[in-house]
Amino acid sequence: MANDSTILIDKKIIELLKEAKDHPRQTYNELLEKMAKTFIILKKRNQYDEFLHKIQQPKMKELWNNEEDEFWDEI
């Protein structure tokens, strides 16, 4: 019990946590650990996607902003 703590959570969040459980006997501690790990992975993936998007922007501008493509606007 030395590593345990108490946190206050709104009742509506508790209801969401109940819905998110994989099985009825899953503890909130297990669920929150799984959610936190998943969130960290998604955050890292999103940072990578943002990085790729930023480095691709100059090339995309080069490809899309040219006189040859403007010809198609008049058709």
N, C-alpha and C. Protein backbone atom coordinates (compact mmCIF):
# COMPACT_ATOMS: atom_id res chain seq x y z
N MET A 1 0.80 -1.19 0.00
CA MET A 1 0.00 0.00 0.00
C MET A 1 0.85 1.26 0.00
N ALA A 2 2.14 1.15 0.17
CA ALA A 2 3.00 2.33 0.25
C ALA A 2 3.04 3.09 -1.08
N ASN A 3 2.80 2.41 -2.20
CA ASN A 3 2.83 3.05 -3.51
C ASN A 3 1.46 3.51 -3.98
N ASP A 4 0.44 3.32 -3.17
CA ASP A 4 -0.92 3.70 -3.55
C ASP A 4 -1.19 5.15 -3.20
N SER A 5 -2.12 5.75 -3.95
CA SER A 5 -2.55 7.11 -3.65
C SER A 5 -4.04 7.23 -3.94
N THR A 6 -4.60 8.34 -3.54
CA THR A 6 -6.02 8.59 -3.77
C THR A 6 -6.14 9.80 -4.69
N ILE A 7 -7.00 9.70 -5.71
CA ILE A 7 -7.26 10.83 -6.59
C ILE A 7 -8.77 11.04 -6.67
N LEU A 8 -9.17 12.27 -6.90
CA LEU A 8 -10.58 12.59 -7.07
C LEU A 8 -10.92 12.56 -8.55
N ILE A 9 -11.99 11.86 -8.88
CA ILE A 9 -12.42 11.74 -10.27
C ILE A 9 -13.92 12.03 -10.32
N ASP A 10 -14.33 12.83 -11.28
CA ASP A 10 -15.77 13.11 -11.46
C ASP A 10 -16.51 11.80 -11.72
N LYS A 11 -17.76 11.76 -11.29
CA LYS A 11 -18.58 10.55 -11.48
C LYS A 11 -18.78 10.23 -12.95
N LYS A 12 -18.85 11.27 -13.81
CA LYS A 12 -19.02 11.00 -15.24
C LYS A 12 -17.77 10.32 -15.82
N ILE A 13 -16.58 10.64 -15.28
CA ILE A 13 -15.35 9.99 -15.72
C ILE A 13 -15.34 8.53 -15.25
N ILE A 14 -15.82 8.29 -14.05
CA ILE A 14 -15.90 6.92 -13.54
C ILE A 14 -16.80 6.08 -14.45
N GLU A 15 -17.91 6.65 -14.90
CA GLU A 15 -18.81 5.94 -15.81
C GLU A 15 -18.10 5.63 -17.14
N LEU A 16 -17.33 6.58 -17.64
CA LEU A 16 -16.56 6.34 -18.87
C LEU A 16 -15.53 5.22 -18.67
N LEU A 17 -14.89 5.23 -17.51
CA LEU A 17 -13.92 4.18 -17.21
C LEU A 17 -14.59 2.82 -17.15
N LYS A 18 -15.78 2.76 -16.57
CA LYS A 18 -16.51 1.49 -16.51
C LYS A 18 -16.80 0.98 -17.91
N GLU A 19 -17.19 1.88 -18.81
CA GLU A 19 -17.47 1.48 -20.20
C GLU A 19 -16.21 1.02 -20.92
N ALA A 20 -15.07 1.59 -20.55
CA ALA A 20 -13.81 1.29 -21.25
C ALA A 20 -13.17 -0.02 -20.81
N LYS A 21 -13.63 -0.59 -19.72
CA LYS A 21 -13.03 -1.83 -19.22
C LYS A 21 -13.13 -2.95 -20.26
N ASP A 22 -12.07 -3.76 -20.34
CA ASP A 22 -12.06 -4.92 -21.23
C ASP A 22 -12.91 -6.06 -20.66
N HIS A 23 -12.94 -6.16 -19.35
CA HIS A 23 -13.75 -7.17 -18.67
C HIS A 23 -14.15 -6.61 -17.31
N PRO A 24 -15.25 -7.09 -16.74
CA PRO A 24 -15.79 -6.51 -15.49
C PRO A 24 -14.83 -6.52 -14.30
N ARG A 25 -13.95 -7.49 -14.24
CA ARG A 25 -13.05 -7.60 -13.08
C ARG A 25 -11.76 -6.81 -13.27
N GLN A 26 -11.59 -6.16 -14.40
CA GLN A 26 -10.40 -5.34 -14.65
C GLN A 26 -10.40 -4.16 -13.67
N THR A 27 -9.28 -3.94 -13.01
CA THR A 27 -9.22 -2.84 -12.05
C THR A 27 -9.01 -1.51 -12.77
N TYR A 28 -9.38 -0.44 -12.08
CA TYR A 28 -9.15 0.89 -12.67
C TYR A 28 -7.66 1.13 -12.85
N ASN A 29 -6.85 0.59 -11.95
CA ASN A 29 -5.40 0.74 -12.06
C ASN A 29 -4.89 0.10 -13.35
N GLU A 30 -5.35 -1.11 -13.65
CA GLU A 30 -4.95 -1.80 -14.89
C GLU A 30 -5.43 -1.01 -16.11
N LEU A 31 -6.66 -0.55 -16.03
CA LEU A 31 -7.24 0.19 -17.15
C LEU A 31 -6.49 1.49 -17.40
N LEU A 32 -6.22 2.24 -16.34
CA LEU A 32 -5.51 3.51 -16.49
C LEU A 32 -4.08 3.31 -16.99
N GLU A 33 -3.44 2.24 -16.55
CA GLU A 33 -2.09 1.93 -17.04
C GLU A 33 -2.12 1.66 -18.54
N LYS A 34 -3.08 0.85 -18.96
CA LYS A 34 -3.22 0.54 -20.39
C LYS A 34 -3.52 1.80 -21.20
N MET A 35 -4.41 2.64 -20.68
CA MET A 35 -4.77 3.87 -21.38
C MET A 35 -3.57 4.81 -21.49
N ALA A 36 -2.81 4.93 -20.41
CA ALA A 36 -1.64 5.82 -20.41
C ALA A 36 -0.59 5.34 -21.41
N LYS A 37 -0.32 4.04 -21.43
CA LYS A 37 0.66 3.49 -22.38
C LYS A 37 0.21 3.72 -23.82
N THR A 38 -1.09 3.49 -24.08
CA THR A 38 -1.63 3.70 -25.42
C THR A 38 -1.52 5.16 -25.82
N PHE A 39 -1.83 6.06 -24.90
CA PHE A 39 -1.75 7.49 -25.18
C PHE A 39 -0.32 7.91 -25.52
N ILE A 40 0.65 7.39 -24.77
CA ILE A 40 2.06 7.73 -25.02
C ILE A 40 2.49 7.26 -26.41
N ILE A 41 2.08 6.06 -26.79
CA ILE A 41 2.42 5.53 -28.12
C ILE A 41 1.80 6.40 -29.21
N LEU A 42 0.52 6.76 -29.03
CA LEU A 42 -0.16 7.60 -30.03
C LEU A 42 0.47 8.98 -30.13
N LYS A 43 0.88 9.52 -28.99
CA LYS A 43 1.51 10.84 -28.99
C LYS A 43 2.83 10.81 -29.75
N LYS A 44 3.62 9.75 -29.53
CA LYS A 44 4.88 9.62 -30.26
C LYS A 44 4.63 9.47 -31.75
N ARG A 45 3.63 8.67 -32.12
CA ARG A 45 3.30 8.47 -33.53
C ARG A 45 2.86 9.78 -34.17
N ASN A 46 2.06 10.55 -33.44
CA ASN A 46 1.58 11.82 -33.96
C ASN A 46 2.74 12.79 -34.18
N GLN A 47 3.72 12.80 -33.27
CA GLN A 47 4.89 13.65 -33.44
C GLN A 47 5.65 13.25 -34.69
N TYR A 48 5.76 11.97 -34.96
CA TYR A 48 6.44 11.49 -36.16
C TYR A 48 5.67 11.91 -37.40
N ASP A 49 4.34 11.78 -37.38
CA ASP A 49 3.52 12.19 -38.52
C ASP A 49 3.65 13.69 -38.78
N GLU A 50 3.67 14.49 -37.72
CA GLU A 50 3.83 15.93 -37.87
C GLU A 50 5.20 16.25 -38.47
N PHE A 51 6.24 15.53 -38.03
CA PHE A 51 7.58 15.72 -38.56
C PHE A 51 7.60 15.43 -40.07
N LEU A 52 7.02 14.30 -40.47
CA LEU A 52 6.98 13.95 -41.90
C LEU A 52 6.21 15.00 -42.70
N HIS A 53 5.10 15.45 -42.15
CA HIS A 53 4.29 16.46 -42.85
C HIS A 53 5.09 17.74 -43.07
N LYS A 54 5.84 18.17 -42.04
CA LYS A 54 6.61 19.40 -42.15
C LYS A 54 7.73 19.29 -43.19
N ILE A 55 8.40 18.14 -43.23
CA ILE A 55 9.50 18.02 -44.19
C ILE A 55 8.99 17.81 -45.61
N GLN A 56 7.75 17.36 -45.76
CA GLN A 56 7.18 17.16 -47.09
C GLN A 56 6.57 18.43 -47.66
N GLN A 57 6.23 19.40 -46.84
CA GLN A 57 5.55 20.61 -47.30
C GLN A 57 6.30 21.35 -48.41
N PRO A 58 7.60 21.61 -48.29
CA PRO A 58 8.28 22.34 -49.39
C PRO A 58 8.19 21.61 -50.73
N LYS A 59 8.35 20.29 -50.71
CA LYS A 59 8.30 19.53 -51.95
C LYS A 59 6.89 19.55 -52.54
N MET A 60 5.88 19.45 -51.69
CA MET A 60 4.50 19.49 -52.18
C MET A 60 4.19 20.86 -52.80
N LYS A 61 4.68 21.92 -52.18
CA LYS A 61 4.47 23.25 -52.76
C LYS A 61 5.14 23.34 -54.13
N GLU A 62 6.33 22.78 -54.22
CA GLU A 62 7.05 22.78 -55.50
C GLU A 62 6.27 22.02 -56.57
N LEU A 63 5.71 20.89 -56.19
CA LEU A 63 4.98 20.07 -57.15
C LEU A 63 3.64 20.68 -57.56
N TRP A 64 2.95 21.31 -56.62
CA TRP A 64 1.61 21.79 -56.88
C TRP A 64 1.55 23.24 -57.34
N ASN A 65 2.52 24.03 -57.01
CA ASN A 65 2.52 25.44 -57.41
C ASN A 65 3.42 25.64 -58.63
N ASN A 66 2.92 25.25 -59.77
CA ASN A 66 3.70 25.45 -60.99
C ASN A 66 2.76 25.88 -62.13
N GLU A 67 3.33 26.44 -63.17
CA GLU A 67 2.56 26.98 -64.29
C GLU A 67 1.83 25.89 -65.06
N GLU A 68 2.40 24.71 -65.14
CA GLU A 68 1.77 23.63 -65.89
C GLU A 68 0.41 23.25 -65.29
N ASP A 69 0.31 23.28 -63.99
CA ASP A 69 -0.96 22.94 -63.33
C ASP A 69 -2.00 24.05 -63.49
N GLU A 70 -1.54 25.28 -63.60
CA GLU A 70 -2.47 26.40 -63.75
C GLU A 70 -3.25 26.28 -65.05
N PHE A 71 -2.71 25.61 -66.04
CA PHE A 71 -3.39 25.37 -67.31
C PHE A 71 -4.73 24.68 -67.08
N TRP A 72 -4.76 23.74 -66.15
CA TRP A 72 -5.96 22.95 -65.88
C TRP A 72 -7.06 23.78 -65.22
N ASP A 73 -6.72 24.89 -64.57
CA ASP A 73 -7.71 25.75 -63.94
C ASP A 73 -8.60 26.42 -65.00
N GLU A 74 -8.06 26.62 -66.20
CA GLU A 74 -8.79 27.32 -67.25
C GLU A 74 -9.73 26.40 -68.04
N ILE A 75 -9.62 25.12 -67.85
CA ILE A 75 -10.43 24.16 -68.61
C ILE A 75 -11.76 23.93 -67.94
